[in-house]
Amino acid sequence: MIREDIVIDHSRSNLLHTVLLLGSMMGLLALLGFLLSGTTGVVMALAAGVFLFFFGPRISPQLLLRMYRARALS
C-alpha cells in the first residue's frame, strides 16, 4: 500500500504542474491575441481560453469525430 503522505505530495505536484501548464497556455494565447489585435485580442483570447477551460470537457468525443469527419480504420 502507498503511504498517504506520498499520495498527498504527488497530488500537490500534479496540481502545480496542471496550473503551470494551463497558465502557460493562457499566456501564449494572450500573447498571440496581442500580436494579432492588441488589447482587444488579449481580452478575446482570454475569454476564449476561459470558455474552453470550462466547457471543453463537456464536448462529447462523438461530436468531435463527426466534426472532423472521422472514419473507422477497419
N, C-alpha and C. Protein backbone atom coordinates (compact mmCIF):
# COMPACT_ATOMS: atom_id res chain seq x y z
N MET A 1 0.84 -1.18 0.00
CA MET A 1 0.00 0.00 0.00
C MET A 1 0.89 1.25 0.00
N ILE A 2 0.47 2.26 -0.72
CA ILE A 2 1.22 3.50 -0.79
C ILE A 2 0.89 4.36 0.42
N ARG A 3 1.93 4.95 0.99
CA ARG A 3 1.71 5.81 2.16
C ARG A 3 0.92 7.05 1.75
N GLU A 4 0.06 7.49 2.66
CA GLU A 4 -0.83 8.61 2.35
C GLU A 4 -0.06 9.91 2.15
N ASP A 5 1.03 10.12 2.86
CA ASP A 5 1.80 11.35 2.68
C ASP A 5 2.43 11.42 1.29
N ILE A 6 2.80 10.28 0.73
CA ILE A 6 3.35 10.26 -0.62
C ILE A 6 2.26 10.59 -1.63
N VAL A 7 1.08 10.05 -1.42
CA VAL A 7 -0.05 10.35 -2.31
C VAL A 7 -0.38 11.84 -2.27
N ILE A 8 -0.38 12.43 -1.10
CA ILE A 8 -0.67 13.86 -0.96
C ILE A 8 0.40 14.69 -1.66
N ASP A 9 1.67 14.32 -1.51
CA ASP A 9 2.76 15.04 -2.18
C ASP A 9 2.61 14.97 -3.70
N HIS A 10 2.27 13.80 -4.21
CA HIS A 10 2.10 13.65 -5.65
C HIS A 10 0.88 14.42 -6.15
N SER A 11 -0.17 14.45 -5.36
CA SER A 11 -1.36 15.21 -5.74
C SER A 11 -1.05 16.70 -5.82
N ARG A 12 -0.30 17.21 -4.86
CA ARG A 12 0.10 18.63 -4.89
C ARG A 12 0.99 18.91 -6.08
N SER A 13 1.91 18.01 -6.36
CA SER A 13 2.80 18.19 -7.50
C SER A 13 2.02 18.18 -8.81
N ASN A 14 1.06 17.27 -8.93
CA ASN A 14 0.24 17.21 -10.14
C ASN A 14 -0.58 18.48 -10.30
N LEU A 15 -1.14 18.99 -9.21
CA LEU A 15 -1.92 20.22 -9.26
C LEU A 15 -1.04 21.40 -9.69
N LEU A 16 0.16 21.49 -9.14
CA LEU A 16 1.08 22.56 -9.51
C LEU A 16 1.42 22.49 -10.99
N HIS A 17 1.73 21.30 -11.49
CA HIS A 17 2.06 21.15 -12.91
C HIS A 17 0.88 21.52 -13.79
N THR A 18 -0.31 21.14 -13.39
CA THR A 18 -1.51 21.47 -14.16
C THR A 18 -1.72 22.97 -14.22
N VAL A 19 -1.59 23.63 -13.08
CA VAL A 19 -1.77 25.09 -13.04
C VAL A 19 -0.71 25.78 -13.89
N LEU A 20 0.53 25.32 -13.82
CA LEU A 20 1.60 25.92 -14.63
C LEU A 20 1.36 25.70 -16.12
N LEU A 21 0.94 24.51 -16.51
CA LEU A 21 0.66 24.24 -17.92
C LEU A 21 -0.50 25.09 -18.44
N LEU A 22 -1.59 25.13 -17.69
CA LEU A 22 -2.74 25.93 -18.12
C LEU A 22 -2.40 27.42 -18.15
N GLY A 23 -1.65 27.88 -17.16
CA GLY A 23 -1.23 29.28 -17.15
C GLY A 23 -0.33 29.62 -18.32
N SER A 24 0.57 28.72 -18.66
CA SER A 24 1.46 28.94 -19.80
C SER A 24 0.68 28.97 -21.11
N MET A 25 -0.28 28.06 -21.25
CA MET A 25 -1.09 28.06 -22.47
C MET A 25 -1.92 29.33 -22.58
N MET A 26 -2.48 29.79 -21.46
CA MET A 26 -3.25 31.03 -21.48
C MET A 26 -2.34 32.22 -21.81
N GLY A 27 -1.12 32.20 -21.28
CA GLY A 27 -0.18 33.27 -21.59
C GLY A 27 0.19 33.31 -23.06
N LEU A 28 0.43 32.14 -23.65
CA LEU A 28 0.72 32.09 -25.09
C LEU A 28 -0.47 32.54 -25.92
N LEU A 29 -1.66 32.14 -25.51
CA LEU A 29 -2.87 32.55 -26.21
C LEU A 29 -3.05 34.06 -26.11
N ALA A 30 -2.78 34.64 -24.95
CA ALA A 30 -2.89 36.09 -24.77
C ALA A 30 -1.83 36.81 -25.60
N LEU A 31 -0.62 36.27 -25.67
CA LEU A 31 0.43 36.88 -26.48
C LEU A 31 0.05 36.87 -27.95
N LEU A 32 -0.48 35.76 -28.41
CA LEU A 32 -0.92 35.67 -29.80
C LEU A 32 -2.04 36.67 -30.07
N GLY A 33 -2.98 36.77 -29.13
CA GLY A 33 -4.06 37.75 -29.28
C GLY A 33 -3.53 39.17 -29.33
N PHE A 34 -2.52 39.46 -28.51
CA PHE A 34 -1.93 40.80 -28.51
C PHE A 34 -1.23 41.09 -29.83
N LEU A 35 -0.48 40.10 -30.33
CA LEU A 35 0.24 40.30 -31.58
C LEU A 35 -0.71 40.49 -32.77
N LEU A 36 -1.86 39.84 -32.72
CA LEU A 36 -2.80 39.94 -33.83
C LEU A 36 -3.73 41.14 -33.72
N SER A 37 -4.18 41.48 -32.50
CA SER A 37 -5.21 42.52 -32.37
C SER A 37 -5.00 43.49 -31.24
N GLY A 38 -3.87 43.47 -30.60
CA GLY A 38 -3.65 44.40 -29.50
C GLY A 38 -4.41 43.99 -28.25
N THR A 39 -4.84 44.99 -27.48
CA THR A 39 -5.52 44.73 -26.21
C THR A 39 -6.83 43.98 -26.41
N THR A 40 -7.55 44.31 -27.47
CA THR A 40 -8.80 43.61 -27.75
C THR A 40 -8.54 42.13 -27.99
N GLY A 41 -7.46 41.81 -28.68
CA GLY A 41 -7.11 40.42 -28.93
C GLY A 41 -6.80 39.67 -27.66
N VAL A 42 -6.15 40.34 -26.70
CA VAL A 42 -5.84 39.71 -25.41
C VAL A 42 -7.14 39.36 -24.69
N VAL A 43 -8.06 40.30 -24.65
CA VAL A 43 -9.34 40.07 -23.97
C VAL A 43 -10.10 38.94 -24.65
N MET A 44 -10.14 38.94 -25.97
CA MET A 44 -10.86 37.89 -26.70
C MET A 44 -10.19 36.53 -26.50
N ALA A 45 -8.86 36.51 -26.52
CA ALA A 45 -8.14 35.25 -26.33
C ALA A 45 -8.35 34.69 -24.93
N LEU A 46 -8.29 35.54 -23.92
CA LEU A 46 -8.53 35.08 -22.55
C LEU A 46 -9.97 34.62 -22.36
N ALA A 47 -10.91 35.32 -22.97
CA ALA A 47 -12.31 34.90 -22.87
C ALA A 47 -12.50 33.54 -23.54
N ALA A 48 -11.88 33.34 -24.70
CA ALA A 48 -11.97 32.05 -25.38
C ALA A 48 -11.31 30.95 -24.56
N GLY A 49 -10.18 31.26 -23.94
CA GLY A 49 -9.49 30.28 -23.11
C GLY A 49 -10.31 29.88 -21.90
N VAL A 50 -10.92 30.84 -21.24
CA VAL A 50 -11.77 30.53 -20.07
C VAL A 50 -12.98 29.72 -20.50
N PHE A 51 -13.58 30.10 -21.63
CA PHE A 51 -14.74 29.35 -22.14
C PHE A 51 -14.36 27.90 -22.42
N LEU A 52 -13.25 27.69 -23.11
CA LEU A 52 -12.82 26.32 -23.42
C LEU A 52 -12.42 25.55 -22.17
N PHE A 53 -11.87 26.25 -21.18
CA PHE A 53 -11.49 25.58 -19.94
C PHE A 53 -12.70 25.00 -19.24
N PHE A 54 -13.80 25.74 -19.23
CA PHE A 54 -14.99 25.28 -18.53
C PHE A 54 -15.88 24.37 -19.37
N PHE A 55 -15.98 24.63 -20.67
CA PHE A 55 -16.93 23.88 -21.50
C PHE A 55 -16.26 22.84 -22.39
N GLY A 56 -14.95 22.86 -22.52
CA GLY A 56 -14.25 21.88 -23.35
C GLY A 56 -14.45 20.44 -22.92
N PRO A 57 -14.36 20.14 -21.63
CA PRO A 57 -14.56 18.74 -21.21
C PRO A 57 -15.98 18.23 -21.44
N ARG A 58 -16.94 19.12 -21.64
CA ARG A 58 -18.32 18.69 -21.83
C ARG A 58 -18.63 18.31 -23.28
N ILE A 59 -17.71 18.60 -24.19
CA ILE A 59 -17.93 18.27 -25.60
C ILE A 59 -17.73 16.77 -25.77
N SER A 60 -18.71 16.12 -26.37
CA SER A 60 -18.64 14.66 -26.49
C SER A 60 -17.63 14.27 -27.57
N PRO A 61 -16.92 13.17 -27.37
CA PRO A 61 -15.97 12.69 -28.38
C PRO A 61 -16.65 12.40 -29.72
N GLN A 62 -17.88 11.91 -29.69
CA GLN A 62 -18.58 11.62 -30.94
C GLN A 62 -18.81 12.89 -31.75
N LEU A 63 -19.11 13.99 -31.07
CA LEU A 63 -19.30 15.26 -31.76
C LEU A 63 -18.02 15.70 -32.44
N LEU A 64 -16.90 15.58 -31.75
CA LEU A 64 -15.62 15.95 -32.35
C LEU A 64 -15.27 15.06 -33.53
N LEU A 65 -15.53 13.76 -33.40
CA LEU A 65 -15.24 12.85 -34.51
C LEU A 65 -16.11 13.18 -35.72
N ARG A 66 -17.38 13.51 -35.50
CA ARG A 66 -18.25 13.91 -36.61
C ARG A 66 -17.78 15.22 -37.23
N MET A 67 -17.31 16.14 -36.39
CA MET A 67 -16.85 17.43 -36.88
C MET A 67 -15.64 17.26 -37.81
N TYR A 68 -14.75 16.32 -37.49
CA TYR A 68 -13.57 16.05 -38.32
C TYR A 68 -13.83 15.01 -39.39
N ARG A 69 -15.07 14.54 -39.50
CA ARG A 69 -15.47 13.52 -40.47
C ARG A 69 -14.59 12.28 -40.37
N ALA A 70 -14.38 11.85 -39.15
CA ALA A 70 -13.54 10.68 -38.91
C ALA A 70 -14.25 9.41 -39.35
N ARG A 71 -13.45 8.44 -39.80
CA ARG A 71 -13.98 7.14 -40.22
C ARG A 71 -13.23 6.06 -39.49
N ALA A 72 -13.86 4.90 -39.35
CA ALA A 72 -13.21 3.76 -38.71
C ALA A 72 -12.06 3.28 -39.59
N LEU A 73 -10.99 2.80 -38.96
CA LEU A 73 -9.83 2.35 -39.71
C LEU A 73 -10.04 0.99 -40.37
N SER A 74 -10.84 0.16 -39.77
CA SER A 74 -11.01 -1.18 -40.34
C SER A 74 -12.27 -1.29 -41.17
